[in-house]
Every structure is written in C-alpha cells, then in structure tokens.
Amino acid sequence: MTLCPICRAFPRFALRVEAFKKQLDPTEGEKLFSAACWVIAALERTRPCSAHRRTLRRARCAATELAAFVQDGTLAGRG
C-alpha cells in the first residue's frame, strides 16, 4: 500500500488533535483548526493514494470538532 506524504503524516496530526482535546488550549485549537483546513485543501488537490478517502474523512471530522471549539469554546460531543 503506497501512501502519499500527507496521508503518511496525518496520524501525527491526529495525535496532536487528541492531545488538544484533553488540554483545551484556545491558541492551540485555532492553530490546529487552521492546519486541518490546510490538510483538507491539500488532500483535495493532490493525486489520491490508497488512504486518501479515509484521511480526508478523518481530517473533516477533526476540522468540524475544532471549528466548534473555536466558535464557542467547547468540543462537539463533549458534555
């Protein structure tokens, strides 16, 4: 299975998002949201590898959660 550089690096980004969910630092949330948007844009513009669809889906979910945090300070799905 051949992965593009974006899909190969995405798990590290996902780990940063998970760590953010535990600490909830507002400045980190904005940075991660911006990075998630860049990842989505890059995935939509590059030639798909075997993991592109899954990575794009995960990036969109992360961006949605981060957008909710940036807008009102709470993560979607957290009580």
N, C-alpha and C. Protein backbone atom coordinates (compact mmCIF):
# COMPACT_ATOMS: atom_id res chain seq x y z
N MET A 1 0.85 -1.17 0.00
CA MET A 1 0.00 0.00 0.00
C MET A 1 0.90 1.24 0.00
N THR A 2 0.77 2.06 -1.01
CA THR A 2 1.56 3.27 -1.13
C THR A 2 0.78 4.46 -0.60
N LEU A 3 1.41 5.20 0.31
CA LEU A 3 0.76 6.38 0.89
C LEU A 3 1.49 7.64 0.44
N CYS A 4 0.71 8.68 0.20
CA CYS A 4 1.30 9.97 -0.12
C CYS A 4 1.86 10.59 1.17
N PRO A 5 2.69 11.61 1.06
CA PRO A 5 3.27 12.23 2.25
C PRO A 5 2.22 12.80 3.21
N ILE A 6 1.12 13.30 2.69
CA ILE A 6 0.08 13.87 3.55
C ILE A 6 -0.57 12.77 4.39
N CYS A 7 -0.95 11.68 3.76
CA CYS A 7 -1.60 10.58 4.48
C CYS A 7 -0.62 9.90 5.44
N ARG A 8 0.65 9.88 5.06
CA ARG A 8 1.65 9.27 5.92
C ARG A 8 1.87 10.11 7.19
N ALA A 9 1.77 11.43 7.08
CA ALA A 9 2.00 12.32 8.22
C ALA A 9 0.73 12.58 9.04
N PHE A 10 -0.43 12.26 8.51
CA PHE A 10 -1.69 12.59 9.19
C PHE A 10 -1.83 11.98 10.59
N PRO A 11 -1.40 10.76 10.85
CA PRO A 11 -1.54 10.22 12.21
C PRO A 11 -0.88 11.08 13.29
N ARG A 12 0.24 11.73 12.97
CA ARG A 12 0.86 12.64 13.95
C ARG A 12 -0.04 13.84 14.22
N PHE A 13 -0.68 14.35 13.17
CA PHE A 13 -1.61 15.46 13.34
C PHE A 13 -2.80 15.02 14.19
N ALA A 14 -3.31 13.83 13.92
CA ALA A 14 -4.45 13.30 14.69
C ALA A 14 -4.08 13.17 16.18
N LEU A 15 -2.84 12.78 16.47
CA LEU A 15 -2.39 12.69 17.86
C LEU A 15 -2.36 14.07 18.52
N ARG A 16 -1.96 15.09 17.77
CA ARG A 16 -1.98 16.46 18.31
C ARG A 16 -3.40 16.89 18.61
N VAL A 17 -4.35 16.53 17.75
CA VAL A 17 -5.75 16.89 17.99
C VAL A 17 -6.26 16.18 19.24
N GLU A 18 -5.93 14.91 19.41
CA GLU A 18 -6.36 14.17 20.60
C GLU A 18 -5.76 14.76 21.87
N ALA A 19 -4.50 15.15 21.82
CA ALA A 19 -3.86 15.78 22.98
C ALA A 19 -4.52 17.12 23.28
N PHE A 20 -4.89 17.84 22.25
CA PHE A 20 -5.58 19.12 22.43
C PHE A 20 -6.92 18.93 23.13
N LYS A 21 -7.63 17.88 22.79
CA LYS A 21 -8.94 17.62 23.39
C LYS A 21 -8.84 17.44 24.91
N LYS A 22 -7.70 16.99 25.38
CA LYS A 22 -7.51 16.81 26.82
C LYS A 22 -7.11 18.10 27.51
N GLN A 23 -6.38 18.98 26.81
CA GLN A 23 -5.88 20.20 27.43
C GLN A 23 -6.74 21.42 27.13
N LEU A 24 -7.34 21.48 25.97
CA LEU A 24 -8.23 22.57 25.55
C LEU A 24 -7.58 23.95 25.65
N ASP A 25 -6.42 24.09 25.04
CA ASP A 25 -5.74 25.38 24.97
C ASP A 25 -6.29 26.15 23.77
N PRO A 26 -6.91 27.32 23.98
CA PRO A 26 -7.55 28.06 22.88
C PRO A 26 -6.62 28.42 21.72
N THR A 27 -5.39 28.81 22.01
CA THR A 27 -4.48 29.17 20.91
C THR A 27 -4.09 27.94 20.10
N GLU A 28 -3.91 26.82 20.77
CA GLU A 28 -3.59 25.57 20.07
C GLU A 28 -4.78 25.13 19.22
N GLY A 29 -5.99 25.32 19.70
CA GLY A 29 -7.19 24.94 18.94
C GLY A 29 -7.29 25.71 17.63
N GLU A 30 -6.99 26.99 17.67
CA GLU A 30 -7.04 27.79 16.45
C GLU A 30 -5.96 27.35 15.46
N LYS A 31 -4.77 27.05 15.96
CA LYS A 31 -3.69 26.59 15.09
C LYS A 31 -4.04 25.25 14.45
N LEU A 32 -4.60 24.35 15.25
CA LEU A 32 -4.97 23.03 14.72
C LEU A 32 -6.10 23.13 13.72
N PHE A 33 -7.06 24.04 13.96
CA PHE A 33 -8.14 24.23 13.00
C PHE A 33 -7.59 24.72 11.67
N SER A 34 -6.69 25.67 11.73
CA SER A 34 -6.06 26.18 10.51
C SER A 34 -5.30 25.07 9.78
N ALA A 35 -4.57 24.27 10.53
CA ALA A 35 -3.83 23.16 9.94
C ALA A 35 -4.77 22.13 9.32
N ALA A 36 -5.88 21.85 9.99
CA ALA A 36 -6.86 20.90 9.45
C ALA A 36 -7.42 21.40 8.12
N CYS A 37 -7.68 22.68 8.03
CA CYS A 37 -8.17 23.25 6.77
C CYS A 37 -7.14 23.11 5.66
N TRP A 38 -5.88 23.33 6.00
CA TRP A 38 -4.81 23.17 5.02
C TRP A 38 -4.68 21.71 4.58
N VAL A 39 -4.81 20.79 5.51
CA VAL A 39 -4.72 19.36 5.18
C VAL A 39 -5.85 18.98 4.23
N ILE A 40 -7.06 19.43 4.52
CA ILE A 40 -8.21 19.12 3.66
C ILE A 40 -7.98 19.67 2.26
N ALA A 41 -7.54 20.93 2.18
CA ALA A 41 -7.28 21.54 0.87
C ALA A 41 -6.21 20.78 0.11
N ALA A 42 -5.15 20.38 0.79
CA ALA A 42 -4.08 19.65 0.14
C ALA A 42 -4.56 18.29 -0.36
N LEU A 43 -5.36 17.61 0.46
CA LEU A 43 -5.88 16.29 0.05
C LEU A 43 -6.81 16.41 -1.16
N GLU A 44 -7.57 17.49 -1.22
CA GLU A 44 -8.49 17.66 -2.34
C GLU A 44 -7.76 18.01 -3.64
N ARG A 45 -6.54 18.52 -3.54
CA ARG A 45 -5.81 18.96 -4.73
C ARG A 45 -4.77 17.97 -5.23
N THR A 46 -4.43 16.98 -4.43
CA THR A 46 -3.36 16.07 -4.83
C THR A 46 -3.92 14.77 -5.41
N ARG A 47 -3.05 14.06 -6.05
CA ARG A 47 -3.41 12.77 -6.65
C ARG A 47 -3.69 11.78 -5.52
N PRO A 48 -4.85 11.13 -5.54
CA PRO A 48 -5.23 10.24 -4.44
C PRO A 48 -4.33 9.01 -4.30
N CYS A 49 -4.00 8.70 -3.07
CA CYS A 49 -3.32 7.45 -2.76
C CYS A 49 -4.37 6.49 -2.19
N SER A 50 -3.94 5.35 -1.72
CA SER A 50 -4.89 4.35 -1.24
C SER A 50 -5.58 4.75 0.06
N ALA A 51 -5.02 5.69 0.81
CA ALA A 51 -5.60 6.09 2.10
C ALA A 51 -6.28 7.45 2.04
N HIS A 52 -6.34 8.06 0.87
CA HIS A 52 -6.86 9.42 0.74
C HIS A 52 -8.28 9.59 1.29
N ARG A 53 -9.17 8.72 0.91
CA ARG A 53 -10.57 8.87 1.34
C ARG A 53 -10.69 8.85 2.86
N ARG A 54 -10.03 7.90 3.48
CA ARG A 54 -10.10 7.77 4.94
C ARG A 54 -9.46 8.98 5.62
N THR A 55 -8.32 9.41 5.13
CA THR A 55 -7.63 10.57 5.71
C THR A 55 -8.48 11.82 5.55
N LEU A 56 -9.08 12.00 4.39
CA LEU A 56 -9.93 13.17 4.15
C LEU A 56 -11.13 13.16 5.09
N ARG A 57 -11.74 12.01 5.29
CA ARG A 57 -12.87 11.90 6.22
C ARG A 57 -12.45 12.24 7.64
N ARG A 58 -11.30 11.71 8.08
CA ARG A 58 -10.80 11.99 9.43
C ARG A 58 -10.44 13.47 9.59
N ALA A 59 -9.86 14.07 8.55
CA ALA A 59 -9.50 15.49 8.62
C ALA A 59 -10.74 16.36 8.70
N ARG A 60 -11.77 16.02 7.96
CA ARG A 60 -13.02 16.80 8.02
C ARG A 60 -13.68 16.68 9.39
N CYS A 61 -13.66 15.51 9.98
CA CYS A 61 -14.22 15.34 11.33
C CYS A 61 -13.44 16.16 12.35
N ALA A 62 -12.12 16.14 12.24
CA ALA A 62 -11.29 16.92 13.16
C ALA A 62 -11.56 18.41 12.98
N ALA A 63 -11.68 18.85 11.74
CA ALA A 63 -11.93 20.27 11.47
C ALA A 63 -13.28 20.70 12.03
N THR A 64 -14.28 19.83 11.93
CA THR A 64 -15.61 20.15 12.45
C THR A 64 -15.56 20.31 13.97
N GLU A 65 -14.90 19.39 14.65
CA GLU A 65 -14.77 19.48 16.11
C GLU A 65 -13.98 20.72 16.51
N LEU A 66 -12.91 20.99 15.81
CA LEU A 66 -12.09 22.15 16.14
C LEU A 66 -12.82 23.46 15.84
N ALA A 67 -13.61 23.49 14.78
CA ALA A 67 -14.39 24.69 14.47
C ALA A 67 -15.39 24.98 15.58
N ALA A 68 -16.03 23.94 16.10
CA ALA A 68 -16.98 24.12 17.21
C ALA A 68 -16.26 24.69 18.43
N PHE A 69 -15.05 24.20 18.69
CA PHE A 69 -14.30 24.72 19.83
C PHE A 69 -13.93 26.18 19.61
N VAL A 70 -13.44 26.50 18.42
CA VAL A 70 -13.02 27.87 18.15
C VAL A 70 -14.21 28.83 18.25
N GLN A 71 -15.39 28.39 17.80
CA GLN A 71 -16.57 29.27 17.83
C GLN A 71 -17.11 29.49 19.23
N ASP A 72 -17.30 28.42 20.00
CA ASP A 72 -17.92 28.62 21.31
C ASP A 72 -17.16 28.02 22.48
N GLY A 73 -15.95 27.55 22.26
CA GLY A 73 -15.12 27.12 23.37
C GLY A 73 -15.41 25.73 23.90
N THR A 74 -16.25 24.95 23.22
CA THR A 74 -16.50 23.58 23.66
C THR A 74 -16.32 22.65 22.48
N LEU A 75 -15.90 21.44 22.75
CA LEU A 75 -15.75 20.46 21.69
C LEU A 75 -17.07 19.74 21.44
N ALA A 76 -17.39 19.49 20.19
CA ALA A 76 -18.59 18.75 19.84
C ALA A 76 -18.47 17.34 20.39
N GLY A 77 -19.53 16.86 20.98
CA GLY A 77 -19.53 15.51 21.51
C GLY A 77 -19.08 15.42 22.95
N ARG A 78 -18.66 16.52 23.53
CA ARG A 78 -18.28 16.52 24.95
C ARG A 78 -19.39 17.13 25.75
N GLY A 79 -19.69 16.55 26.87
CA GLY A 79 -20.79 17.00 27.69
C GLY A 79 -20.41 18.07 28.58
